[in-house]
Amino acid sequence: MQNKVAQLIKSKVSLAPMAGITDYVLRSLVRKYSSNCLLTTEMISSEFLAQTKETEIIKRNADHSPISYQISGHKPHLMNSAAKFLSTYADMIDINMGCPVNKVVKGQDGCALMRNPELAADLVKAVKDGTDKPVSVKFRLGYTFDELNYVEFGQKMQEAGAEFITIHGRTRSQFYSGQADWKLIKELKHNVDVPVFANGDVTSIDTAVQCLEESDADGLAIGRGILGDPTLIFRIEHYLTSGEKLPPPSLREKIEMLKWHLDEEIALRGKNVGIKFVRKFYPYYIAGIKNAAKIRSVLVVEEDYKKILEILNSL
């Protein structure tokens, strides 16, 4: 890895950004187990930051380092301003060029930038001009299967000043369907000089090893795989350094993690909002247990904190 990035990234596993998921609490929960992995915030719109600097996404603790703040946008001057502001908090600034969501792409942000490499390069230059922190980009294989431009795109981002790349092994047209193609990532890795982390469908130690073998990437960025199992990043790190496969958390351990997650979201957002916010996580924490669907259907409508704890403690 390049010196500047190597000093920052001491783990082969990072937390990938997920909107509405990788908030302050989840990042803190992952950090409880992994002290070295690169954390990444949810995507922060540069347009939004131009209007207000008040956002929960910015919140961090000292122990969150190393942490990357991800920004989105298509206007160089706003991306420059966002980078300047976030440099107070960030160890790295990441530019989102891979989000497939319609409202993001229609606004010329996210994966739409893969159809406009010149603008994408200008954004990298603008962000570089606004920060002394390393600048990274996250993108996909292409917009569609007929537009697999990820190698040329990655090279152009490197030329513009990007020092780190995370690539999701799907096209924009796939969204999150099908399988991530880890083998294609190898071509990018062998055609750029900056570190490359592979992203997509890593949900276990075994898939982590397979992804690294097929992609030849420098490391992994894990997103949905940590849902319901915030220990996954640490367990993969541990295996890659020691060869020992630690077991996933037991049901009781997962319930305790969920209770901590719930309490911290309430502390951050208030009881009513916190309880509602955590509902999206219930299916992952209780997956695989008897009558999981029935239990989930009760939890996602329950608003009484004590009753939620009673249900969780009874599992």
Foldseek 3Di string as FASTA:
>chain_A
DDPQVCVQQPFQEAADADPLPLAALLLVLLCVQPQHHEYEFHEDELVVVVVPPDDRRLDYDPSSGQYEYEYKDQDLVSLLVVLLVSQVRHLEYEYAQAQLDPVQVVRCIHVVCLVVLVSVLSNLLSSVVNHPHAYEYEHELHQDPVGRCVQVSLQSNVVSRHQEYEYEQDHSVCNQDDFRQLLVLLSNVVRDDHAYAYETDPQALVVQVVSCVRNVGSHYHYYPNCQLFSNRSSQNRCCVVPVDRDDTDDLLVSLVSLVSQLVVLCVVPNLQVSQQSSLVRQCSNQPPDPPSVVLSVVSNPDSDPVVNVVSSVVD
